C-alpha atoms as a PDB file:
ATOM      1  CA  MET A   1      -0.685 -22.785   8.608  1.00  0.00           C
ATOM      2  CA  ILE A   2      -3.868 -24.249  10.127  1.00  0.00           C
ATOM      3  CA  LEU A   3      -5.913 -21.089   9.540  1.00  0.00           C
ATOM      4  CA  LEU A   4      -5.089 -20.958   5.831  1.00  0.00           C
ATOM      5  CA  ALA A   5      -5.741 -24.673   5.462  1.00  0.00           C
ATOM      6  CA  LEU A   6      -9.216 -24.260   6.945  1.00  0.00           C
ATOM      7  CA  LEU A   7     -10.016 -21.740   4.235  1.00  0.00           C
ATOM      8  CA  ALA A   8      -9.891 -24.534   1.687  1.00  0.00           C
ATOM      9  CA  VAL A   9     -13.381 -25.481   2.837  1.00  0.00           C
ATOM     10  CA  ALA A  10     -14.571 -22.022   3.887  1.00  0.00           C
ATOM     11  CA  ASP A  11     -17.286 -20.337   1.851  1.00  0.00           C
ATOM     12  CA  THR A  12     -17.096 -16.976   3.608  1.00  0.00           C
ATOM     13  CA  ALA A  13     -14.346 -14.577   4.589  1.00  0.00           C
ATOM     14  CA  ILE A  14     -12.538 -15.002   7.895  1.00  0.00           C
ATOM     15  CA  THR A  15     -11.244 -11.882   9.645  1.00  0.00           C
ATOM     16  CA  VAL A  16      -8.281 -12.256  11.979  1.00  0.00           C
ATOM     17  CA  ALA A  17      -6.300  -9.809  14.113  1.00  0.00           C
ATOM     18  CA  VAL A  18      -2.639 -10.474  13.332  1.00  0.00           C
ATOM     19  CA  PRO A  19      -0.063  -9.286  15.917  1.00  0.00           C
ATOM     20  CA  VAL A  20       2.676  -7.244  14.187  1.00  0.00           C
ATOM     21  CA  ALA A  21       4.323  -5.420  17.101  1.00  0.00           C
ATOM     22  CA  PRO A  22       3.818  -5.069  20.872  1.00  0.00           C
ATOM     23  CA  ALA A  23       0.186  -4.034  21.474  1.00  0.00           C
ATOM     24  CA  GLU A  24      -0.408  -3.728  17.709  1.00  0.00           C
ATOM     25  CA  THR A  25      -2.529  -5.854  15.410  1.00  0.00           C
ATOM     26  CA  LEU A  26      -3.552  -5.568  11.784  1.00  0.00           C
ATOM     27  CA  SER A  27      -6.975  -6.772  10.728  1.00  0.00           C
ATOM     28  CA  VAL A  28      -6.816  -9.188   7.780  1.00  0.00           C
ATOM     29  CA  SER A  29      -9.874 -10.540   5.956  1.00  0.00           C
ATOM     30  CA  ILE A  30      -9.101 -13.805   4.162  1.00  0.00           C
ATOM     31  CA  GLN A  31     -11.152 -15.844   1.726  1.00  0.00           C
ATOM     32  CA  GLY A  32     -10.520 -18.682  -0.715  1.00  0.00           C
ATOM     33  CA  VAL A  33      -7.416 -20.608  -1.723  1.00  0.00           C
ATOM     34  CA  GLY A  34      -4.965 -20.307  -4.588  1.00  0.00           C
ATOM     35  CA  GLN A  35      -2.658 -17.550  -5.807  1.00  0.00           C
ATOM     36  CA  PRO A  36      -2.683 -14.949  -2.989  1.00  0.00           C
ATOM     37  CA  VAL A  37      -3.970 -11.470  -3.836  1.00  0.00           C
ATOM     38  CA  VAL A  38      -3.310  -8.968  -1.058  1.00  0.00           C
ATOM     39  CA  PHE A  39      -5.371  -5.762  -0.932  1.00  0.00           C
ATOM     40  CA  ILE A  40      -4.050  -2.656   0.824  1.00  0.00           C
ATOM     41  CA  PRO A  41      -6.735   0.038   1.234  1.00  0.00           C
ATOM     42  CA  GLY A  42      -5.998   3.733   1.116  1.00  0.00           C
ATOM     43  CA  LEU A  43      -6.873   6.360   3.686  1.00  0.00           C
ATOM     44  CA  PHE A  44     -10.531   6.129   4.793  1.00  0.00           C
ATOM     45  CA  GLY A  45     -10.522   2.741   3.101  1.00  0.00           C
ATOM     46  CA  ALA A  46     -11.514  -0.561   4.658  1.00  0.00           C
ATOM     47  CA  ALA A  47     -12.082  -4.182   3.744  1.00  0.00           C
ATOM     48  CA  PHE A  48     -15.654  -3.129   2.968  1.00  0.00           C
ATOM     49  CA  GLY A  49     -14.478  -1.245  -0.128  1.00  0.00           C
ATOM     50  CA  PHE A  50     -13.417  -4.405  -1.964  1.00  0.00           C
ATOM     51  CA  ARG A  51     -16.709  -6.265  -1.492  1.00  0.00           C
ATOM     52  CA  HIS A  52     -17.427  -6.252  -5.265  1.00  0.00           C
ATOM     53  CA  VAL A  53     -13.931  -7.471  -6.193  1.00  0.00           C
ATOM     54  CA  THR A  54     -13.031 -10.320  -3.854  1.00  0.00           C
ATOM     55  CA  PRO A  55     -15.976 -12.704  -4.574  1.00  0.00           C
ATOM     56  CA  PRO A  56     -15.258 -13.017  -8.325  1.00  0.00           C
ATOM     57  CA  LEU A  57     -11.536 -13.434  -7.620  1.00  0.00           C
ATOM     58  CA  VAL A  58     -12.252 -16.231  -5.133  1.00  0.00           C
ATOM     59  CA  ALA A  59     -14.550 -17.828  -7.709  1.00  0.00           C
ATOM     60  CA  ASP A  60     -11.669 -17.666 -10.224  1.00  0.00           C
ATOM     61  CA  GLY A  61      -9.408 -19.596  -7.849  1.00  0.00           C
ATOM     62  CA  TYR A  62      -7.534 -16.860  -6.003  1.00  0.00           C
ATOM     63  CA  GLN A  63      -7.067 -16.378  -2.291  1.00  0.00           C
ATOM     64  CA  THR A  64      -7.844 -12.800  -1.252  1.00  0.00           C
ATOM     65  CA  LEU A  65      -6.373 -11.126   1.815  1.00  0.00           C
ATOM     66  CA  ILE A  66      -7.379  -7.562   2.718  1.00  0.00           C
ATOM     67  CA  VAL A  67      -4.797  -6.064   5.083  1.00  0.00           C
ATOM     68  CA  GLU A  68      -6.031  -2.930   6.837  1.00  0.00           C
ATOM     69  CA  PRO A  69      -3.045  -0.729   7.812  1.00  0.00           C
ATOM     70  CA  LEU A  70      -2.670   0.845  11.254  1.00  0.00           C
ATOM     71  CA  GLY A  71      -5.493   3.265  12.018  1.00  0.00           C
ATOM     72  CA  ILE A  72      -7.664   1.871   9.210  1.00  0.00           C
ATOM     73  CA  GLY A  73     -10.727  -0.357   9.531  1.00  0.00           C
ATOM     74  CA  LYS A  74     -10.436  -2.760  12.456  1.00  0.00           C
ATOM     75  CA  SER A  75      -6.651  -2.467  12.820  1.00  0.00           C
ATOM     76  CA  ALA A  76      -4.941  -0.967  15.870  1.00  0.00           C
ATOM     77  CA  ARG A  77      -5.356   2.782  16.425  1.00  0.00           C
ATOM     78  CA  THR A  78      -1.633   3.485  16.518  1.00  0.00           C
ATOM     79  CA  ARG A  79       0.938   4.728  14.050  1.00  0.00           C
ATOM     80  CA  GLY A  80       4.246   3.371  12.832  1.00  0.00           C
ATOM     81  CA  ALA A  81       6.147   2.237   9.751  1.00  0.00           C
ATOM     82  CA  GLU A  82       3.246   0.723   7.833  1.00  0.00           C
ATOM     83  CA  ALA A  83       5.224  -1.355   5.333  1.00  0.00           C
ATOM     84  CA  HIS A  84       7.079  -3.225   8.076  1.00  0.00           C
ATOM     85  CA  ARG A  85       3.746  -4.038   9.743  1.00  0.00           C
ATOM     86  CA  VAL A  86       2.256  -5.365   6.513  1.00  0.00           C
ATOM     87  CA  VAL A  87       5.352  -7.522   5.972  1.00  0.00           C
ATOM     88  CA  ALA A  88       5.011  -8.895   9.506  1.00  0.00           C
ATOM     89  CA  ALA A  89       1.345  -9.742   8.905  1.00  0.00           C
ATOM     90  CA  LEU A  90       2.081 -11.553   5.626  1.00  0.00           C
ATOM     91  CA  ASP A  91       4.930 -13.478   7.219  1.00  0.00           C
ATOM     92  CA  SER A  92       2.679 -14.489  10.090  1.00  0.00           C
ATOM     93  CA  LEU A  93       0.129 -15.810   7.598  1.00  0.00           C
ATOM     94  CA  ALA A  94       2.819 -17.593   5.538  1.00  0.00           C
ATOM     95  CA  VAL A  95       1.957 -15.630   2.394  1.00  0.00           C
ATOM     96  CA  GLU A  96       4.431 -15.913  -0.481  1.00  0.00           C
ATOM     97  CA  ARG A  97       4.646 -14.399  -3.986  1.00  0.00           C
ATOM     98  CA  ALA A  98       1.421 -12.420  -3.675  1.00  0.00           C
ATOM     99  CA  ILE A  99      -0.084  -9.985  -6.121  1.00  0.00           C
ATOM    100  CA  LEU A 100      -0.533  -6.732  -4.211  1.00  0.00           C
ATOM    101  CA  VAL A 101      -3.575  -4.602  -5.080  1.00  0.00           C
ATOM    102  CA  SER A 102      -3.284  -1.177  -3.486  1.00  0.00           C
ATOM    103  CA  HIS A 103      -5.415   1.954  -3.533  1.00  0.00           C
ATOM    104  CA  SER A 104      -4.349   5.595  -3.330  1.00  0.00           C
ATOM    105  CA  VAL A 105      -1.792   6.177  -0.552  1.00  0.00           C
ATOM    106  CA  GLY A 106      -1.868   2.430   0.120  1.00  0.00           C
ATOM    107  CA  SER A 107       0.284   2.106  -3.000  1.00  0.00           C
ATOM    108  CA  GLY A 108       3.172   3.757  -1.190  1.00  0.00           C
ATOM    109  CA  ILE A 109       2.978   0.876   1.288  1.00  0.00           C
ATOM    110  CA  ALA A 110       2.856  -1.681  -1.539  1.00  0.00           C
ATOM    111  CA  PHE A 111       5.985  -0.301  -3.212  1.00  0.00           C
ATOM    112  CA  ARG A 112       7.844  -0.334   0.106  1.00  0.00           C
ATOM    113  CA  VAL A 113       6.788  -3.926   0.812  1.00  0.00           C
ATOM    114  CA  ALA A 114       8.200  -4.893  -2.605  1.00  0.00           C
ATOM    115  CA  LEU A 115      11.491  -3.223  -1.672  1.00  0.00           C
ATOM    116  CA  LEU A 116      11.678  -4.673   1.834  1.00  0.00           C
ATOM    117  CA  ARG A 117      10.766  -8.216   0.819  1.00  0.00           C
ATOM    118  CA  PRO A 118      10.861  -8.940  -2.918  1.00  0.00           C
ATOM    119  CA  ASP A 119      10.123 -12.599  -2.175  1.00  0.00           C
ATOM    120  CA  LEU A 120       6.658 -11.651  -0.901  1.00  0.00           C
ATOM    121  CA  VAL A 121       5.573  -9.721  -4.001  1.00  0.00           C
ATOM    122  CA  ALA A 122       4.968 -11.238  -7.442  1.00  0.00           C
ATOM    123  CA  GLY A 123       3.429  -8.084  -8.897  1.00  0.00           C
ATOM    124  CA  ILE A 124       1.610  -4.868  -8.003  1.00  0.00           C
ATOM    125  CA  VAL A 125      -1.707  -3.529  -9.281  1.00  0.00           C
ATOM    126  CA  SER A 126      -1.878   0.062  -8.070  1.00  0.00           C
ATOM    127  CA  ILE A 127      -5.322   1.647  -8.222  1.00  0.00           C
ATOM    128  CA  GLU A 128      -5.000   5.428  -8.481  1.00  0.00           C
ATOM    129  CA  GLY A 129      -1.829   5.373  -6.382  1.00  0.00           C
ATOM    130  CA  GLY A 130       1.657   6.668  -7.057  1.00  0.00           C
ATOM    131  CA  PRO A 131       4.923   6.477  -5.108  1.00  0.00           C
ATOM    132  CA  THR A 132       3.796   8.877  -2.414  1.00  0.00           C
ATOM    133  CA  GLU A 133       6.235   9.570   0.402  1.00  0.00           C
ATOM    134  CA  GLN A 134       3.499  10.325   2.965  1.00  0.00           C
ATOM    135  CA  ALA A 135       0.606   8.296   4.270  1.00  0.00           C
ATOM    136  CA  THR A 136      -1.886  11.134   3.822  1.00  0.00           C
ATOM    137  CA  THR A 137      -2.981  13.814   1.384  1.00  0.00           C
ATOM    138  CA  PRO A 138      -2.456  17.577   1.980  1.00  0.00           C
ATOM    139  CA  GLY A 139      -6.215  17.983   2.440  1.00  0.00           C
ATOM    140  CA  PHE A 140      -6.290  15.291   5.097  1.00  0.00           C
ATOM    141  CA  ARG A 141      -3.369  16.837   6.982  1.00  0.00           C
ATOM    142  CA  PHE A 142      -5.137  20.203   6.908  1.00  0.00           C
ATOM    143  CA  LEU A 143      -8.322  18.590   8.213  1.00  0.00           C
ATOM    144  CA  MET A 144      -6.442  16.907  11.068  1.00  0.00           C
ATOM    145  CA  ARG A 145      -5.311  20.301  12.335  1.00  0.00           C
ATOM    146  CA  PHE A 146      -8.933  20.726  13.384  1.00  0.00           C
ATOM    147  CA  SER A 147      -9.535  17.184  14.632  1.00  0.00           C
ATOM    148  CA  GLY A 148     -10.400  18.480  18.104  1.00  0.00           C
ATOM    149  CA  LEU A 149     -13.194  20.542  16.615  1.00  0.00           C
ATOM    150  CA  ILE A 150     -14.415  17.526  14.669  1.00  0.00           C
ATOM    151  CA  ARG A 151     -14.838  15.629  17.924  1.00  0.00           C
ATOM    152  CA  ARG A 152     -16.423  18.547  19.736  1.00  0.00           C
ATOM    153  CA  PHE A 153     -18.728  19.826  16.987  1.00  0.00           C
ATOM    154  CA  GLY A 154     -20.310  17.024  15.033  1.00  0.00           C
ATOM    155  CA  GLY A 155     -18.216  13.934  15.757  1.00  0.00           C
ATOM    156  CA  THR A 156     -19.240  10.930  13.684  1.00  0.00           C
ATOM    157  CA  ARG A 157     -21.742  12.933  11.679  1.00  0.00           C
ATOM    158  CA  LEU A 158     -19.024  15.323  10.524  1.00  0.00           C
ATOM    159  CA  LEU A 159     -16.687  12.437   9.718  1.00  0.00           C
ATOM    160  CA  ARG A 160     -19.388  10.835   7.569  1.00  0.00           C
ATOM    161  CA  ARG A 161     -19.984  14.140   5.824  1.00  0.00           C
ATOM    162  CA  GLN A 162     -16.281  14.492   5.007  1.00  0.00           C
ATOM    163  CA  VAL A 163     -16.095  10.964   3.615  1.00  0.00           C
ATOM    164  CA  TYR A 164     -19.250  11.517   1.571  1.00  0.00           C
ATOM    165  CA  SER A 165     -17.909  14.777   0.137  1.00  0.00           C
ATOM    166  CA  ALA A 166     -14.563  13.201  -0.742  1.00  0.00           C
ATOM    167  CA  MET A 167     -16.313  10.331  -2.523  1.00  0.00           C
ATOM    168  CA  ARG A 168     -18.507  12.695  -4.565  1.00  0.00           C
ATOM    169  CA  GLU A 169     -15.541  14.850  -5.530  1.00  0.00           C
ATOM    170  CA  SER A 170     -13.521  11.816  -6.609  1.00  0.00           C
ATOM    171  CA  SER A 171     -16.132   9.894  -8.601  1.00  0.00           C
ATOM    172  CA  ALA A 172     -17.424   9.961 -12.152  1.00  0.00           C
ATOM    173  CA  ARG A 173     -20.941   9.291 -10.921  1.00  0.00           C
ATOM    174  CA  THR A 174     -22.517   9.379  -7.481  1.00  0.00           C
ATOM    175  CA  ASP A 175     -25.311   6.773  -7.571  1.00  0.00           C
ATOM    176  CA  TRP A 176     -23.096   4.273  -5.739  1.00  0.00           C
ATOM    177  CA  ILE A 177     -22.541   6.619  -2.765  1.00  0.00           C
ATOM    178  CA  THR A 178     -25.505   5.599  -0.623  1.00  0.00           C
ATOM    179  CA  ASP A 179     -25.993   5.933   3.120  1.00  0.00           C
ATOM    180  CA  GLU A 180     -25.243   2.225   3.448  1.00  0.00           C
ATOM    181  CA  VAL A 181     -21.930   2.627   1.599  1.00  0.00           C
ATOM    182  CA  VAL A 182     -20.867   5.592   3.731  1.00  0.00           C
ATOM    183  CA  ASP A 183     -21.782   3.537   6.796  1.00  0.00           C
ATOM    184  CA  GLY A 184     -19.623   0.691   5.521  1.00  0.00           C
ATOM    185  CA  TYR A 185     -16.603   2.936   5.100  1.00  0.00           C
ATOM    186  CA  THR A 186     -16.965   4.766   8.414  1.00  0.00           C
ATOM    187  CA  ALA A 187     -18.423   2.179  10.825  1.00  0.00           C
ATOM    188  CA  ASP A 188     -15.082   1.061  12.263  1.00  0.00           C
ATOM    189  CA  ALA A 189     -13.767   4.624  12.527  1.00  0.00           C
ATOM    190  CA  ALA A 190     -16.940   5.751  14.298  1.00  0.00           C
ATOM    191  CA  ARG A 191     -16.907   2.893  16.793  1.00  0.00           C
ATOM    192  CA  ASP A 192     -14.243   4.684  18.859  1.00  0.00           C
ATOM    193  CA  LEU A 193     -13.965   8.139  17.343  1.00  0.00           C
ATOM    194  CA  ASP A 194     -11.522   9.464  19.946  1.00  0.00           C
ATOM    195  CA  ALA A 195      -9.058   6.650  19.240  1.00  0.00           C
ATOM    196  CA  THR A 196      -9.580   7.026  15.494  1.00  0.00           C
ATOM    197  CA  LEU A 197      -8.887  10.751  15.508  1.00  0.00           C
ATOM    198  CA  HIS A 198      -5.834  10.187  17.688  1.00  0.00           C
ATOM    199  CA  ALA A 199      -4.568   7.639  15.168  1.00  0.00           C
ATOM    200  CA  TYR A 200      -5.377   9.952  12.241  1.00  0.00           C
ATOM    201  CA  ARG A 201      -3.386  12.771  13.862  1.00  0.00           C
ATOM    202  CA  GLY A 202      -0.451  10.408  14.230  1.00  0.00           C
ATOM    203  CA  ILE A 203      -0.765   9.239  10.625  1.00  0.00           C
ATOM    204  CA  ALA A 204      -0.863  12.845   9.425  1.00  0.00           C
ATOM    205  CA  ARG A 205       2.486  13.501  11.139  1.00  0.00           C
ATOM    206  CA  SER A 206       4.135  10.196  10.319  1.00  0.00           C
ATOM    207  CA  HIS A 207       6.872   9.546   7.791  1.00  0.00           C
ATOM    208  CA  GLU A 208       8.414   6.303   6.596  1.00  0.00           C
ATOM    209  CA  PRO A 209      12.053   5.900   7.685  1.00  0.00           C
ATOM    210  CA  TRP A 210      13.543   6.141   4.184  1.00  0.00           C
ATOM    211  CA  PRO A 211      12.618   7.885   0.903  1.00  0.00           C
ATOM    212  CA  LEU A 212      10.872   5.791  -1.736  1.00  0.00           C
ATOM    213  CA  ALA A 213      11.655   7.587  -5.015  1.00  0.00           C
ATOM    214  CA  PRO A 214      15.392   6.823  -5.310  1.00  0.00           C
ATOM    215  CA  ARG A 215      14.770   3.138  -4.546  1.00  0.00           C
ATOM    216  CA  LEU A 216      12.063   2.519  -7.175  1.00  0.00           C
ATOM    217  CA  PRO A 217      14.558   1.109  -9.726  1.00  0.00           C
ATOM    218  CA  LEU A 218      15.196  -1.721  -7.241  1.00  0.00           C
ATOM    219  CA  ILE A 219      11.599  -2.970  -7.679  1.00  0.00           C
ATOM    220  CA  HIS A 220      11.868  -5.797 -10.207  1.00  0.00           C
ATOM    221  CA  CYS A 221       8.327  -7.136 -10.123  1.00  0.00           C
ATOM    222  CA  PRO A 222       5.816  -5.912 -12.767  1.00  0.00           C
ATOM    223  CA  VAL A 223       3.652  -2.931 -11.813  1.00  0.00           C
ATOM    224  CA  LEU A 224       0.307  -2.015 -13.390  1.00  0.00           C
ATOM    225  CA  LEU A 225      -1.242   1.361 -12.612  1.00  0.00           C
ATOM    226  CA  LEU A 226      -5.026   1.645 -13.010  1.00  0.00           C
ATOM    227  CA  VAL A 227      -6.340   5.195 -13.364  1.00  0.00           C
ATOM    228  CA  GLY A 228      -9.901   6.419 -13.725  1.00  0.00           C
ATOM    229  CA  GLY A 229     -10.561   7.964 -17.118  1.00  0.00           C
ATOM    230  CA  ALA A 230     -13.168  10.481 -15.942  1.00  0.00           C
ATOM    231  CA  ASP A 231     -12.138  13.911 -14.706  1.00  0.00           C
ATOM    232  CA  HIS A 232     -12.055  13.601 -10.920  1.00  0.00           C
ATOM    233  CA  GLY A 233     -10.394  14.764  -7.748  1.00  0.00           C
ATOM    234  CA  HIS A 234      -7.526  12.950  -6.026  1.00  0.00           C
ATOM    235  CA  SER A 235      -6.087  11.631  -9.299  1.00  0.00           C
ATOM    236  CA  VAL A 236      -2.447  10.522  -9.484  1.00  0.00           C
ATOM    237  CA  PRO A 237      -0.168  13.542 -10.112  1.00  0.00           C
ATOM    238  CA  GLU A 238       1.541  13.532 -13.506  1.00  0.00           C
ATOM    239  CA  ASP A 239       4.990  13.820 -11.939  1.00  0.00           C
ATOM    240  CA  GLU A 240       4.396  10.625  -9.936  1.00  0.00           C
ATOM    241  CA  ILE A 241       3.292   8.763 -13.076  1.00  0.00           C
ATOM    242  CA  GLN A 242       6.399   9.986 -14.880  1.00  0.00           C
ATOM    243  CA  LEU A 243       8.557   8.860 -11.968  1.00  0.00           C
ATOM    244  CA  LEU A 244       7.102   5.354 -12.197  1.00  0.00           C
ATOM    245  CA  GLN A 245       7.642   5.248 -15.958  1.00  0.00           C
ATOM    246  CA  ASP A 246      11.243   6.399 -15.627  1.00  0.00           C
ATOM    247  CA  SER A 247      12.154   4.226 -12.641  1.00  0.00           C
ATOM    248  CA  LEU A 248      10.452   0.847 -12.863  1.00  0.00           C
ATOM    249  CA  LEU A 249      11.798  -2.067 -14.845  1.00  0.00           C
ATOM    250  CA  THR A 250       8.354  -3.324 -15.882  1.00  0.00           C
ATOM    251  CA  PHE A 251       5.564  -0.746 -15.800  1.00  0.00           C
ATOM    252  CA  ALA A 252       2.246  -0.316 -17.571  1.00  0.00           C
ATOM    253  CA  ILE A 253      -0.607   2.130 -17.150  1.00  0.00           C
ATOM    254  CA  GLN A 254      -4.239   1.375 -17.968  1.00  0.00           C
ATOM    255  CA  THR A 255      -7.021   3.948 -18.091  1.00  0.00           C
ATOM    256  CA  VAL A 256     -10.449   2.692 -17.061  1.00  0.00           C
ATOM    257  CA  PRO A 257     -13.071   4.776 -18.887  1.00  0.00           C
ATOM    258  CA  ASP A 258     -15.993   6.467 -17.136  1.00  0.00           C
ATOM    259  CA  VAL A 259     -14.774   5.932 -13.581  1.00  0.00           C
ATOM    260  CA  GLY A 260     -12.983   8.079 -11.037  1.00  0.00           C
ATOM    261  CA  HIS A 261     -10.751   7.480  -8.023  1.00  0.00           C
ATOM    262  CA  PHE A 262     -12.709   4.529  -6.600  1.00  0.00           C
ATOM    263  CA  VAL A 263     -12.248   2.169  -9.547  1.00  0.00           C
ATOM    264  CA  PHE A 264     -13.249  -0.853  -7.452  1.00  0.00           C
ATOM    265  CA  GLU A 265     -16.626   0.794  -6.729  1.00  0.00           C
ATOM    266  CA  GLU A 266     -17.469   2.208 -10.162  1.00  0.00           C
ATOM    267  CA  GLY A 267     -15.748  -0.437 -12.288  1.00  0.00           C
ATOM    268  CA  PRO A 268     -14.941  -3.536 -10.189  1.00  0.00           C
ATOM    269  CA  ASP A 269     -14.697  -5.766 -13.267  1.00  0.00           C
ATOM    270  CA  ALA A 270     -11.671  -3.729 -14.388  1.00  0.00           C
ATOM    271  CA  VAL A 271      -9.863  -4.589 -11.146  1.00  0.00           C
ATOM    272  CA  VAL A 272     -10.675  -8.298 -11.480  1.00  0.00           C
ATOM    273  CA  THR A 273      -9.428  -8.229 -15.072  1.00  0.00           C
ATOM    274  CA  ALA A 274      -6.249  -6.395 -14.029  1.00  0.00           C
ATOM    275  CA  VAL A 275      -5.458  -9.047 -11.415  1.00  0.00           C
ATOM    276  CA  GLY A 276      -5.882 -11.751 -14.049  1.00  0.00           C
ATOM    277  CA  ARG A 277      -3.611  -9.819 -16.414  1.00  0.00           C
ATOM    278  CA  MET A 278      -0.978  -9.477 -13.709  1.00  0.00           C
ATOM    279  CA  HIS A 279      -1.209 -13.168 -12.818  1.00  0.00           C
ATOM    280  CA  ARG A 280      -0.648 -14.161 -16.447  1.00  0.00           C
ATOM    281  CA  GLU A 281       2.329 -11.798 -16.657  1.00  0.00           C
ATOM    282  CA  VAL A 282       3.825 -13.258 -13.492  1.00  0.00           C
ATOM    283  CA  VAL A 283       3.389 -16.823 -14.752  1.00  0.00           C
ATOM    284  CA  ALA A 284       4.863 -15.899 -18.143  1.00  0.00           C
ATOM    285  CA  GLY A 285       7.833 -14.283 -16.417  1.00  0.00           C
ATOM    286  CA  ARG A 286       8.487 -17.434 -14.418  1.00  0.00           C
ATOM    287  CA  THR A 287       8.350 -19.526 -17.608  1.00  0.00           C
ATOM    288  CA  ASP A 288      10.778 -17.207 -19.391  1.00  0.00           C
ATOM    289  CA  ARG A 289      13.237 -17.453 -16.509  1.00  0.00           C
ATOM    290  CA  GLN A 290      13.085 -21.262 -16.599  1.00  0.00           C
ATOM    291  CA  GLU A 291      13.929 -21.483 -20.297  1.00  0.00           C
ATOM    292  CA  PRO A 292      17.630 -22.109 -21.098  1.00  0.00           C
END
């Protein structure tokens, strides 16, 4: 593809709007060349969140692609089956055998992509994300019941406050949660708050068309779960971890000490190292399969 070829000489990220359905686009930020590493942010996530992770990966010879799901970042403010949209975006960009790096509820999308199209996924690094069946948390769905009040009483300021509070609750330390960081996470949502809240309400009510849990044994690629070692909110429930251990063919869990839910903010080196570990495992697996 011409766009991907141009990245061979590009020093900075290129952001493209990829059509995935009628009147729907996903925003994808692309940088570098090499083994593709596809990032899928969680709720309230954005390409901005991986700013400490993608540069060292590009320097190590990877191509990074941050795919913002519907309603997130710069992507369309609609709702639908997220995994199918991500597959459509990767197909459009001619991505093959990628390492998926997902965060929080974005991991549910990653697992579904691996089930829908095993050829697209070489391995999964899930950051604080289990096999969730819904695209949102119970707290988010409760908050969306009052989305009209958010718009009427406080608007963007209240949205920023909620994001800030969630970050503090979920982190081992709070020095990284500056005004600039909160701006980075909320700028796209605040640009058209009415459309964002409409999309959030749709996401809160949405369900994928088929259950994930009974299909997990069909995922044959290796999966690595990164969890923050500090006591924090929004951690992966124990029953979801147990489900992964019982269901997946190749599964490992790694605890990153002294960080919370946002591992890529508090310990970005751990994410870079995890991608390298997954890449080596994928390459070793290919070699094993080629041996007589």
